[in-house]
Amino acid sequence: MSISDYVKKGTESAKEIADKLAQKSGEAFDEIKEAAEELKEKAEDALQRTPCLDRAKEMYGMIGEGNVTEAFEKYYHDDVVMQEPAGEPRRGKEANRQFMQQWMTNVEERHGGGVTAITSNEDEHITMVETWSDVTYSGKRMKMEEVAVQRWEGEQIIHERFYYTMPE
């Protein structure tokens, strides 16, 4: 075999190898492009998700259906701290459960209520909820309005502060 035959054969082998590499790199590029598109879609979905807001809406939906105790048990952390406009914060789920039960005992009749506005700061895991209630409480009918600012830890509220004034 002559040198030119070796060169020709080597050139043909190199061309075959280059063609195979080009095909493989094209396939790899397509796979990378597909993976990048999937990641982009997941990132866009994540940006549109509002887990704190979604949980708060679900919780207030339960409350609106009369499932106050169930909502409390599901959405409040064992170490929750709750703060009324006046007085010391209530610390722990048990202390807050007792407060809620006492409040509910004094409500003689519930005439209506609902959520006026609800929003969230997902970066800080905070929800803010404006609500109203029309109740007969200790023999007196009153409409109450309040804002609750809730800090979430995972799936539950760890801190909640209320802003309201009691009707006269």
C-alpha atoms as a PDB file:
ATOM      1  CA  MET A   1       0.000   0.000   0.000  1.00  0.00           C
ATOM      2  CA  SER A   2       1.341   3.362  -0.996  1.00  0.00           C
ATOM      3  CA  ILE A   3       1.626   6.424   1.167  1.00  0.00           C
ATOM      4  CA  SER A   4      -1.187   8.090  -0.747  1.00  0.00           C
ATOM      5  CA  ASP A   5      -3.390   5.032  -0.027  1.00  0.00           C
ATOM      6  CA  TYR A   6      -2.579   5.372   3.695  1.00  0.00           C
ATOM      7  CA  VAL A   7      -3.349   9.078   3.585  1.00  0.00           C
ATOM      8  CA  LYS A   8      -6.575   8.427   1.673  1.00  0.00           C
ATOM      9  CA  LYS A   9      -7.634   5.675   4.118  1.00  0.00           C
ATOM     10  CA  GLY A  10      -6.658   7.858   7.112  1.00  0.00           C
ATOM     11  CA  THR A  11      -8.609  10.771   5.660  1.00  0.00           C
ATOM     12  CA  GLU A  12     -11.667   8.580   5.125  1.00  0.00           C
ATOM     13  CA  SER A  13     -11.399   7.244   8.715  1.00  0.00           C
ATOM     14  CA  ALA A  14     -10.990  10.764  10.067  1.00  0.00           C
ATOM     15  CA  LYS A  15     -14.025  11.887   8.032  1.00  0.00           C
ATOM     16  CA  GLU A  16     -16.103   8.977   9.413  1.00  0.00           C
ATOM     17  CA  ILE A  17     -15.003   9.785  12.952  1.00  0.00           C
ATOM     18  CA  ALA A  18     -15.775  13.496  12.438  1.00  0.00           C
ATOM     19  CA  ASP A  19     -19.216  12.643  10.991  1.00  0.00           C
ATOM     20  CA  LYS A  20     -19.977  10.381  13.976  1.00  0.00           C
ATOM     21  CA  LEU A  21     -18.794  13.065  16.412  1.00  0.00           C
ATOM     22  CA  ALA A  22     -20.908  15.688  14.647  1.00  0.00           C
ATOM     23  CA  GLN A  23     -23.946  13.410  14.838  1.00  0.00           C
ATOM     24  CA  LYS A  24     -23.322  12.616  18.528  1.00  0.00           C
ATOM     25  CA  SER A  25     -22.735  16.278  19.412  1.00  0.00           C
ATOM     26  CA  GLY A  26     -25.921  17.227  17.552  1.00  0.00           C
ATOM     27  CA  GLU A  27     -27.849  14.637  19.581  1.00  0.00           C
ATOM     28  CA  ALA A  28     -26.234  15.866  22.808  1.00  0.00           C
ATOM     29  CA  PHE A  29     -27.097  19.476  21.900  1.00  0.00           C
ATOM     30  CA  ASP A  30     -30.723  18.468  21.280  1.00  0.00           C
ATOM     31  CA  GLU A  31     -30.844  16.721  24.687  1.00  0.00           C
ATOM     32  CA  ILE A  32     -29.331  19.755  26.417  1.00  0.00           C
ATOM     33  CA  LYS A  33     -31.760  22.076  24.651  1.00  0.00           C
ATOM     34  CA  GLU A  34     -34.714  19.881  25.692  1.00  0.00           C
ATOM     35  CA  ALA A  35     -33.498  19.770  29.320  1.00  0.00           C
ATOM     36  CA  ALA A  36     -33.060  23.548  29.318  1.00  0.00           C
ATOM     37  CA  GLU A  37     -36.630  24.021  28.056  1.00  0.00           C
ATOM     38  CA  GLU A  38     -37.939  21.750  30.823  1.00  0.00           C
ATOM     39  CA  LEU A  39     -35.985  23.707  33.443  1.00  0.00           C
ATOM     40  CA  LYS A  40     -37.310  26.971  32.047  1.00  0.00           C
ATOM     41  CA  GLU A  41     -40.910  25.697  32.294  1.00  0.00           C
ATOM     42  CA  LYS A  42     -40.346  24.506  35.873  1.00  0.00           C
ATOM     43  CA  ALA A  43     -38.844  27.869  36.835  1.00  0.00           C
ATOM     44  CA  GLU A  44     -41.778  29.738  35.294  1.00  0.00           C
ATOM     45  CA  ASP A  45     -44.215  27.480  37.176  1.00  0.00           C
ATOM     46  CA  ALA A  46     -42.318  28.063  40.433  1.00  0.00           C
ATOM     47  CA  LEU A  47     -42.519  31.829  39.946  1.00  0.00           C
ATOM     48  CA  GLN A  48     -46.276  31.632  39.548  1.00  0.00           C
ATOM     49  CA  ARG A  49     -46.825  29.426  42.611  1.00  0.00           C
ATOM     50  CA  THR A  50     -47.861  31.124  45.812  1.00  0.00           C
ATOM     51  CA  PRO A  51     -47.693  28.451  48.518  1.00  0.00           C
ATOM     52  CA  CYS A  52     -48.293  30.778  51.491  1.00  0.00           C
ATOM     53  CA  LEU A  53     -51.185  32.526  49.782  1.00  0.00           C
ATOM     54  CA  ASP A  54     -52.654  29.212  48.646  1.00  0.00           C
ATOM     55  CA  ARG A  55     -52.506  27.813  52.201  1.00  0.00           C
ATOM     56  CA  ALA A  56     -54.028  30.993  53.664  1.00  0.00           C
ATOM     57  CA  LYS A  57     -56.887  30.870  51.144  1.00  0.00           C
ATOM     58  CA  GLU A  58     -57.503  27.218  51.949  1.00  0.00           C
ATOM     59  CA  MET A  59     -57.449  27.959  55.681  1.00  0.00           C
ATOM     60  CA  TYR A  60     -59.946  30.823  55.382  1.00  0.00           C
ATOM     61  CA  GLY A  61     -62.093  28.639  53.135  1.00  0.00           C
ATOM     62  CA  MET A  62     -62.245  26.080  55.959  1.00  0.00           C
ATOM     63  CA  ILE A  63     -63.087  28.821  58.456  1.00  0.00           C
ATOM     64  CA  GLY A  64     -65.829  30.127  56.159  1.00  0.00           C
ATOM     65  CA  GLU A  65     -67.341  26.634  56.081  1.00  0.00           C
ATOM     66  CA  GLY A  66     -67.431  26.603  59.881  1.00  0.00           C
ATOM     67  CA  ASN A  67     -64.375  24.362  60.331  1.00  0.00           C
ATOM     68  CA  VAL A  68     -62.532  26.787  62.612  1.00  0.00           C
ATOM     69  CA  THR A  69     -61.030  24.178  64.936  1.00  0.00           C
ATOM     70  CA  GLU A  70     -59.895  21.957  62.059  1.00  0.00           C
ATOM     71  CA  ALA A  71     -58.267  24.937  60.322  1.00  0.00           C
ATOM     72  CA  PHE A  72     -56.507  25.898  63.556  1.00  0.00           C
ATOM     73  CA  GLU A  73     -55.170  22.380  64.093  1.00  0.00           C
ATOM     74  CA  LYS A  74     -53.975  22.052  60.496  1.00  0.00           C
ATOM     75  CA  TYR A  75     -52.447  25.468  59.885  1.00  0.00           C
ATOM     76  CA  TYR A  76     -50.981  26.606  63.210  1.00  0.00           C
ATOM     77  CA  HIS A  77     -47.541  25.552  64.410  1.00  0.00           C
ATOM     78  CA  ASP A  78     -47.110  24.040  67.895  1.00  0.00           C
ATOM     79  CA  ASP A  79     -44.900  27.013  68.811  1.00  0.00           C
ATOM     80  CA  VAL A  80     -47.195  29.692  67.341  1.00  0.00           C
ATOM     81  CA  VAL A  81     -47.147  33.169  68.882  1.00  0.00           C
ATOM     82  CA  MET A  82     -50.318  35.224  68.467  1.00  0.00           C
ATOM     83  CA  GLN A  83     -50.545  38.924  69.325  1.00  0.00           C
ATOM     84  CA  GLU A  84     -53.721  40.971  69.780  1.00  0.00           C
ATOM     85  CA  PRO A  85     -53.546  44.790  69.503  1.00  0.00           C
ATOM     86  CA  ALA A  86     -53.257  45.039  73.290  1.00  0.00           C
ATOM     87  CA  GLY A  87     -51.799  42.715  75.884  1.00  0.00           C
ATOM     88  CA  GLU A  88     -49.038  40.170  75.948  1.00  0.00           C
ATOM     89  CA  PRO A  89     -48.502  37.681  73.108  1.00  0.00           C
ATOM     90  CA  ARG A  90     -49.973  34.210  73.576  1.00  0.00           C
ATOM     91  CA  ARG A  91     -47.277  31.609  73.125  1.00  0.00           C
ATOM     92  CA  GLY A  92     -47.844  28.047  72.028  1.00  0.00           C
ATOM     93  CA  LYS A  93     -50.653  26.229  70.318  1.00  0.00           C
ATOM     94  CA  GLU A  94     -52.336  25.136  73.547  1.00  0.00           C
ATOM     95  CA  ALA A  95     -52.636  28.682  74.937  1.00  0.00           C
ATOM     96  CA  ASN A  96     -54.013  29.891  71.613  1.00  0.00           C
ATOM     97  CA  ARG A  97     -56.391  26.936  71.346  1.00  0.00           C
ATOM     98  CA  GLN A  98     -57.825  27.821  74.778  1.00  0.00           C
ATOM     99  CA  PHE A  99     -58.189  31.490  73.770  1.00  0.00           C
ATOM    100  CA  MET A 100     -59.983  30.509  70.542  1.00  0.00           C
ATOM    101  CA  GLN A 101     -62.320  28.120  72.384  1.00  0.00           C
ATOM    102  CA  GLN A 102     -63.167  30.815  74.962  1.00  0.00           C
ATOM    103  CA  TRP A 103     -63.870  33.311  72.162  1.00  0.00           C
ATOM    104  CA  MET A 104     -66.097  30.833  70.349  1.00  0.00           C
ATOM    105  CA  THR A 105     -67.969  30.084  73.601  1.00  0.00           C
ATOM    106  CA  ASN A 106     -68.843  33.799  73.937  1.00  0.00           C
ATOM    107  CA  VAL A 107     -70.124  34.041  70.343  1.00  0.00           C
ATOM    108  CA  GLU A 108     -73.843  33.427  70.680  1.00  0.00           C
ATOM    109  CA  GLU A 109     -74.654  33.749  66.999  1.00  0.00           C
ATOM    110  CA  ARG A 110     -72.708  34.259  63.792  1.00  0.00           C
ATOM    111  CA  HIS A 111     -74.627  36.357  61.254  1.00  0.00           C
ATOM    112  CA  GLY A 112     -71.952  36.502  58.580  1.00  0.00           C
ATOM    113  CA  GLY A 113     -68.325  37.065  57.792  1.00  0.00           C
ATOM    114  CA  GLY A 114     -65.704  36.740  55.156  1.00  0.00           C
ATOM    115  CA  VAL A 115     -62.417  37.751  53.649  1.00  0.00           C
ATOM    116  CA  THR A 116     -62.273  41.275  52.239  1.00  0.00           C
ATOM    117  CA  ALA A 117     -58.696  41.095  50.937  1.00  0.00           C
ATOM    118  CA  ILE A 118     -55.829  38.634  51.044  1.00  0.00           C
ATOM    119  CA  THR A 119     -52.269  38.888  49.747  1.00  0.00           C
ATOM    120  CA  SER A 120     -48.797  37.533  50.359  1.00  0.00           C
ATOM    121  CA  ASN A 121     -45.104  38.272  50.297  1.00  0.00           C
ATOM    122  CA  GLU A 122     -43.864  34.841  49.237  1.00  0.00           C
ATOM    123  CA  ASP A 123     -40.179  35.758  49.592  1.00  0.00           C
ATOM    124  CA  GLU A 124     -40.711  36.513  53.299  1.00  0.00           C
ATOM    125  CA  HIS A 125     -43.383  33.779  53.844  1.00  0.00           C
ATOM    126  CA  ILE A 126     -45.968  36.320  55.002  1.00  0.00           C
ATOM    127  CA  THR A 127     -49.689  36.530  54.325  1.00  0.00           C
ATOM    128  CA  MET A 128     -51.961  39.450  55.168  1.00  0.00           C
ATOM    129  CA  VAL A 129     -55.694  38.886  55.466  1.00  0.00           C
ATOM    130  CA  GLU A 130     -58.451  41.455  55.987  1.00  0.00           C
ATOM    131  CA  THR A 131     -61.633  39.879  57.381  1.00  0.00           C
ATOM    132  CA  TRP A 132     -64.991  40.877  58.801  1.00  0.00           C
ATOM    133  CA  SER A 133     -67.416  39.147  61.129  1.00  0.00           C
ATOM    134  CA  ASP A 134     -70.966  39.991  62.128  1.00  0.00           C
ATOM    135  CA  VAL A 135     -71.627  38.247  65.450  1.00  0.00           C
ATOM    136  CA  THR A 136     -73.680  38.452  68.581  1.00  0.00           C
ATOM    137  CA  TYR A 137     -71.062  38.383  71.317  1.00  0.00           C
ATOM    138  CA  SER A 138     -71.986  38.429  74.987  1.00  0.00           C
ATOM    139  CA  GLY A 139     -75.506  39.672  74.172  1.00  0.00           C
ATOM    140  CA  LYS A 140     -74.469  42.433  71.766  1.00  0.00           C
ATOM    141  CA  ARG A 141     -74.479  42.238  67.964  1.00  0.00           C
ATOM    142  CA  MET A 142     -71.405  43.771  66.369  1.00  0.00           C
ATOM    143  CA  LYS A 143     -69.548  43.919  63.087  1.00  0.00           C
ATOM    144  CA  MET A 144     -65.831  43.433  63.567  1.00  0.00           C
ATOM    145  CA  GLU A 145     -63.104  44.055  61.022  1.00  0.00           C
ATOM    146  CA  GLU A 146     -59.482  43.026  61.420  1.00  0.00           C
ATOM    147  CA  VAL A 147     -56.237  42.452  59.591  1.00  0.00           C
ATOM    148  CA  ALA A 148     -54.062  39.452  60.422  1.00  0.00           C
ATOM    149  CA  VAL A 149     -50.398  39.374  59.431  1.00  0.00           C
ATOM    150  CA  GLN A 150     -49.153  35.791  59.405  1.00  0.00           C
ATOM    151  CA  ARG A 151     -45.598  34.483  59.183  1.00  0.00           C
ATOM    152  CA  TRP A 152     -45.364  30.956  57.869  1.00  0.00           C
ATOM    153  CA  GLU A 153     -42.783  28.321  58.715  1.00  0.00           C
ATOM    154  CA  GLY A 154     -43.187  25.464  56.295  1.00  0.00           C
ATOM    155  CA  GLU A 155     -46.859  24.528  56.090  1.00  0.00           C
ATOM    156  CA  GLN A 156     -47.943  26.343  59.261  1.00  0.00           C
ATOM    157  CA  ILE A 157     -48.275  29.784  60.818  1.00  0.00           C
ATOM    158  CA  ILE A 158     -45.558  30.422  63.392  1.00  0.00           C
ATOM    159  CA  HIS A 159     -46.514  34.041  64.199  1.00  0.00           C
ATOM    160  CA  GLU A 160     -49.729  35.983  63.767  1.00  0.00           C
ATOM    161  CA  ARG A 161     -50.495  39.556  64.717  1.00  0.00           C
ATOM    162  CA  PHE A 162     -53.965  41.078  64.623  1.00  0.00           C
ATOM    163  CA  TYR A 163     -54.881  44.711  63.968  1.00  0.00           C
ATOM    164  CA  TYR A 164     -58.406  45.846  64.863  1.00  0.00           C
ATOM    165  CA  THR A 165     -60.464  48.057  67.132  1.00  0.00           C
ATOM    166  CA  MET A 166     -63.426  46.674  69.037  1.00  0.00           C
ATOM    167  CA  PRO A 167     -66.783  48.287  68.236  1.00  0.00           C
ATOM    168  CA  GLU A 168     -68.353  50.187  71.110  1.00  0.00           C
END
